N, C-alpha and C. Protein backbone atom coordinates (compact mmCIF):
# COMPACT_ATOMS: atom_id res chain seq x y z
N MET A 1 119.62 97.67 50.41
CA MET A 1 118.63 97.63 51.48
C MET A 1 117.34 98.29 51.02
N LYS A 2 116.26 97.74 51.46
CA LYS A 2 114.96 98.32 51.15
C LYS A 2 114.67 99.45 52.13
N GLN A 3 113.69 100.26 51.79
CA GLN A 3 113.32 101.39 52.65
C GLN A 3 112.78 100.90 53.99
N ASP A 4 112.01 99.78 53.99
CA ASP A 4 111.45 99.26 55.23
C ASP A 4 112.54 98.78 56.17
N GLU A 5 113.60 98.17 55.62
CA GLU A 5 114.69 97.69 56.45
C GLU A 5 115.46 98.84 57.07
N ILE A 6 115.59 99.92 56.34
CA ILE A 6 116.30 101.09 56.86
C ILE A 6 115.52 101.71 58.01
N SER A 7 114.21 101.84 57.86
CA SER A 7 113.42 102.50 58.90
C SER A 7 113.30 101.64 60.14
N THR A 8 113.32 100.31 60.02
CA THR A 8 113.18 99.46 61.21
C THR A 8 114.50 99.28 61.93
N THR A 9 115.63 99.40 61.22
CA THR A 9 116.91 99.21 61.88
C THR A 9 117.41 100.49 62.53
N ALA A 10 116.91 101.63 62.13
CA ALA A 10 117.35 102.90 62.71
C ALA A 10 116.81 103.04 64.13
N LYS A 11 117.64 103.58 65.01
CA LYS A 11 117.22 103.80 66.39
C LYS A 11 116.23 104.97 66.42
N PRO A 12 115.07 104.78 67.09
CA PRO A 12 114.10 105.88 67.11
C PRO A 12 114.63 107.08 67.90
N LYS A 13 114.35 108.25 67.38
CA LYS A 13 114.78 109.48 68.03
C LYS A 13 113.90 109.73 69.25
N SER A 14 114.53 110.01 70.39
CA SER A 14 113.75 110.25 71.60
C SER A 14 113.08 111.62 71.53
N LEU A 15 111.94 111.72 72.16
CA LEU A 15 111.17 112.96 72.15
C LEU A 15 111.63 113.87 73.29
N SER A 16 111.57 115.17 73.07
CA SER A 16 111.87 116.11 74.14
C SER A 16 110.71 116.16 75.12
N VAL A 17 110.91 116.82 76.23
CA VAL A 17 109.86 116.91 77.25
C VAL A 17 108.64 117.63 76.69
N LEU A 18 108.88 118.72 75.98
CA LEU A 18 107.77 119.49 75.41
C LEU A 18 107.04 118.68 74.33
N ALA A 19 107.79 117.96 73.50
CA ALA A 19 107.17 117.14 72.47
C ALA A 19 106.38 116.00 73.09
N THR A 20 106.89 115.41 74.17
CA THR A 20 106.17 114.34 74.86
C THR A 20 104.88 114.87 75.46
N PHE A 21 104.94 116.06 76.08
CA PHE A 21 103.73 116.65 76.66
C PHE A 21 102.72 116.98 75.57
N LYS A 22 103.20 117.47 74.44
CA LYS A 22 102.31 117.77 73.30
C LYS A 22 101.64 116.49 72.80
N GLN A 23 102.37 115.41 72.75
CA GLN A 23 101.80 114.13 72.33
C GLN A 23 100.76 113.65 73.34
N GLY A 24 101.02 113.86 74.62
CA GLY A 24 100.05 113.48 75.65
C GLY A 24 98.75 114.26 75.52
N ILE A 25 98.85 115.55 75.26
CA ILE A 25 97.65 116.38 75.05
C ILE A 25 96.91 115.92 73.79
N SER A 26 97.66 115.61 72.74
CA SER A 26 97.03 115.15 71.50
C SER A 26 96.30 113.84 71.70
N LEU A 27 96.90 112.94 72.48
CA LEU A 27 96.23 111.67 72.77
C LEU A 27 94.98 111.88 73.62
N LEU A 28 95.04 112.83 74.52
CA LEU A 28 93.90 113.09 75.40
C LEU A 28 92.67 113.52 74.60
N PHE A 29 92.88 114.33 73.59
CA PHE A 29 91.77 114.81 72.78
C PHE A 29 91.62 114.05 71.47
N ALA A 30 92.36 112.96 71.30
CA ALA A 30 92.30 112.10 70.11
C ALA A 30 92.56 112.90 68.83
N LEU A 31 93.55 113.77 68.86
CA LEU A 31 93.89 114.60 67.71
C LEU A 31 95.23 114.23 67.10
N GLN A 32 95.69 113.02 67.37
CA GLN A 32 97.03 112.65 66.95
C GLN A 32 97.01 111.94 65.61
N ASN A 33 98.00 112.26 64.79
CA ASN A 33 98.11 111.59 63.49
C ASN A 33 98.89 110.28 63.64
N LYS A 34 98.92 109.51 62.57
CA LYS A 34 99.53 108.18 62.61
C LYS A 34 101.03 108.25 62.88
N SER A 35 101.72 109.18 62.26
CA SER A 35 103.18 109.26 62.44
C SER A 35 103.54 109.69 63.87
N GLY A 36 102.77 110.62 64.43
CA GLY A 36 103.01 111.04 65.81
C GLY A 36 102.76 109.93 66.80
N ARG A 37 101.71 109.14 66.57
CA ARG A 37 101.40 108.02 67.44
C ARG A 37 102.49 106.96 67.37
N LYS A 38 103.00 106.70 66.15
CA LYS A 38 104.07 105.71 65.99
C LYS A 38 105.34 106.17 66.69
N GLN A 39 105.67 107.44 66.56
CA GLN A 39 106.86 107.98 67.22
C GLN A 39 106.72 107.89 68.74
N LEU A 40 105.53 108.18 69.25
CA LEU A 40 105.29 108.11 70.69
C LEU A 40 105.39 106.68 71.18
N MET A 41 104.83 105.73 70.45
CA MET A 41 104.89 104.33 70.87
C MET A 41 106.31 103.78 70.79
N ASP A 42 107.07 104.21 69.79
CA ASP A 42 108.48 103.79 69.71
C ASP A 42 109.26 104.32 70.90
N SER A 43 108.99 105.54 71.29
CA SER A 43 109.65 106.14 72.44
C SER A 43 109.22 105.46 73.74
N ALA A 44 107.95 105.07 73.82
CA ALA A 44 107.43 104.43 75.02
C ALA A 44 108.01 103.03 75.21
N GLU A 45 108.41 102.37 74.14
CA GLU A 45 109.01 101.05 74.27
C GLU A 45 110.36 101.11 74.96
N THR A 46 111.10 102.17 74.74
CA THR A 46 112.42 102.28 75.35
C THR A 46 112.36 102.85 76.76
N ASN A 47 111.53 103.86 76.98
CA ASN A 47 111.42 104.48 78.31
C ASN A 47 110.01 105.03 78.49
N PRO A 48 109.13 104.30 79.19
CA PRO A 48 107.73 104.72 79.30
C PRO A 48 107.48 105.82 80.34
N LEU A 49 108.42 106.11 81.22
CA LEU A 49 108.18 107.09 82.29
C LEU A 49 107.83 108.49 81.79
N PRO A 50 108.54 109.05 80.79
CA PRO A 50 108.13 110.37 80.31
C PRO A 50 106.74 110.38 79.70
N ILE A 51 106.36 109.30 79.05
CA ILE A 51 105.03 109.20 78.45
C ILE A 51 103.97 109.16 79.55
N LEU A 52 104.22 108.38 80.59
CA LEU A 52 103.27 108.32 81.71
C LEU A 52 103.15 109.67 82.40
N PHE A 53 104.27 110.34 82.61
CA PHE A 53 104.24 111.66 83.25
C PHE A 53 103.48 112.66 82.39
N ALA A 54 103.70 112.64 81.09
CA ALA A 54 103.01 113.57 80.19
C ALA A 54 101.51 113.28 80.18
N GLY A 55 101.14 112.02 80.16
CA GLY A 55 99.72 111.66 80.17
C GLY A 55 99.03 112.06 81.46
N LEU A 56 99.68 111.79 82.59
CA LEU A 56 99.09 112.15 83.88
C LEU A 56 99.00 113.67 84.06
N SER A 57 100.03 114.39 83.65
CA SER A 57 99.96 115.85 83.79
C SER A 57 98.94 116.45 82.83
N ALA A 58 98.81 115.91 81.62
CA ALA A 58 97.80 116.40 80.69
C ALA A 58 96.40 116.13 81.24
N MET A 59 96.21 114.96 81.84
CA MET A 59 94.92 114.63 82.42
C MET A 59 94.61 115.55 83.61
N ALA A 60 95.61 115.83 84.44
CA ALA A 60 95.41 116.72 85.58
C ALA A 60 95.03 118.12 85.12
N ILE A 61 95.70 118.61 84.09
CA ILE A 61 95.39 119.94 83.56
C ILE A 61 93.97 119.96 82.99
N PHE A 62 93.59 118.90 82.28
CA PHE A 62 92.25 118.82 81.71
C PHE A 62 91.18 118.84 82.81
N PHE A 63 91.36 118.04 83.85
CA PHE A 63 90.38 118.02 84.94
C PHE A 63 90.37 119.33 85.71
N LEU A 64 91.51 119.97 85.85
CA LEU A 64 91.57 121.27 86.52
C LEU A 64 90.79 122.32 85.74
N ILE A 65 90.95 122.32 84.42
CA ILE A 65 90.20 123.26 83.58
C ILE A 65 88.69 122.98 83.69
N CYS A 66 88.32 121.71 83.67
CA CYS A 66 86.89 121.36 83.82
C CYS A 66 86.35 121.81 85.16
N PHE A 67 87.12 121.60 86.23
CA PHE A 67 86.67 122.00 87.56
C PHE A 67 86.53 123.51 87.67
N ILE A 68 87.50 124.24 87.18
CA ILE A 68 87.46 125.70 87.27
C ILE A 68 86.29 126.27 86.47
N THR A 69 86.08 125.76 85.26
CA THR A 69 84.96 126.28 84.46
C THR A 69 83.62 125.90 85.06
N SER A 70 83.51 124.73 85.66
CA SER A 70 82.23 124.38 86.30
C SER A 70 81.98 125.25 87.52
N GLN A 71 83.02 125.56 88.28
CA GLN A 71 82.84 126.44 89.44
C GLN A 71 82.47 127.86 89.01
N LEU A 72 83.06 128.33 87.92
CA LEU A 72 82.68 129.65 87.41
C LEU A 72 81.24 129.66 86.91
N ALA A 73 80.82 128.60 86.26
CA ALA A 73 79.43 128.52 85.79
C ALA A 73 78.47 128.48 86.96
N ILE A 74 78.79 127.77 88.00
CA ILE A 74 77.92 127.71 89.19
C ILE A 74 77.82 129.08 89.85
N LYS A 75 78.94 129.80 89.94
CA LYS A 75 78.91 131.15 90.55
C LYS A 75 78.12 132.13 89.69
N LEU A 76 78.21 131.98 88.37
CA LEU A 76 77.46 132.89 87.50
C LEU A 76 75.95 132.61 87.55
N ILE A 77 75.56 131.37 87.75
CA ILE A 77 74.14 131.02 87.83
C ILE A 77 73.53 131.53 89.11
N ASN A 78 74.26 131.46 90.22
CA ASN A 78 73.72 131.90 91.52
C ASN A 78 73.67 133.36 91.59
C-alpha cells in the first residue's frame, strides 16, 4: 500500500471539545495551519454540530470582548 492509500482509508480521529474550540478560535483569526484545517474539515464531514457550536461560541466571545473594550474606551474618554 502507498502512503496516500493508508492516510485516506484510515478513519479520522475525532477532536475533543477543547480542540474543536481551539480550532474555531484559530479559524476566527485566520491563524490555522493546513494540517489543523484538514483535521477540522474531516471531523466536520462526520459530525458538523461541534464545529458549528465552537464557531458560534468563539464568535460570541470575540464580539463580547469587542463590546466590553469599546464600552471601556467610551467611559475613559468621557
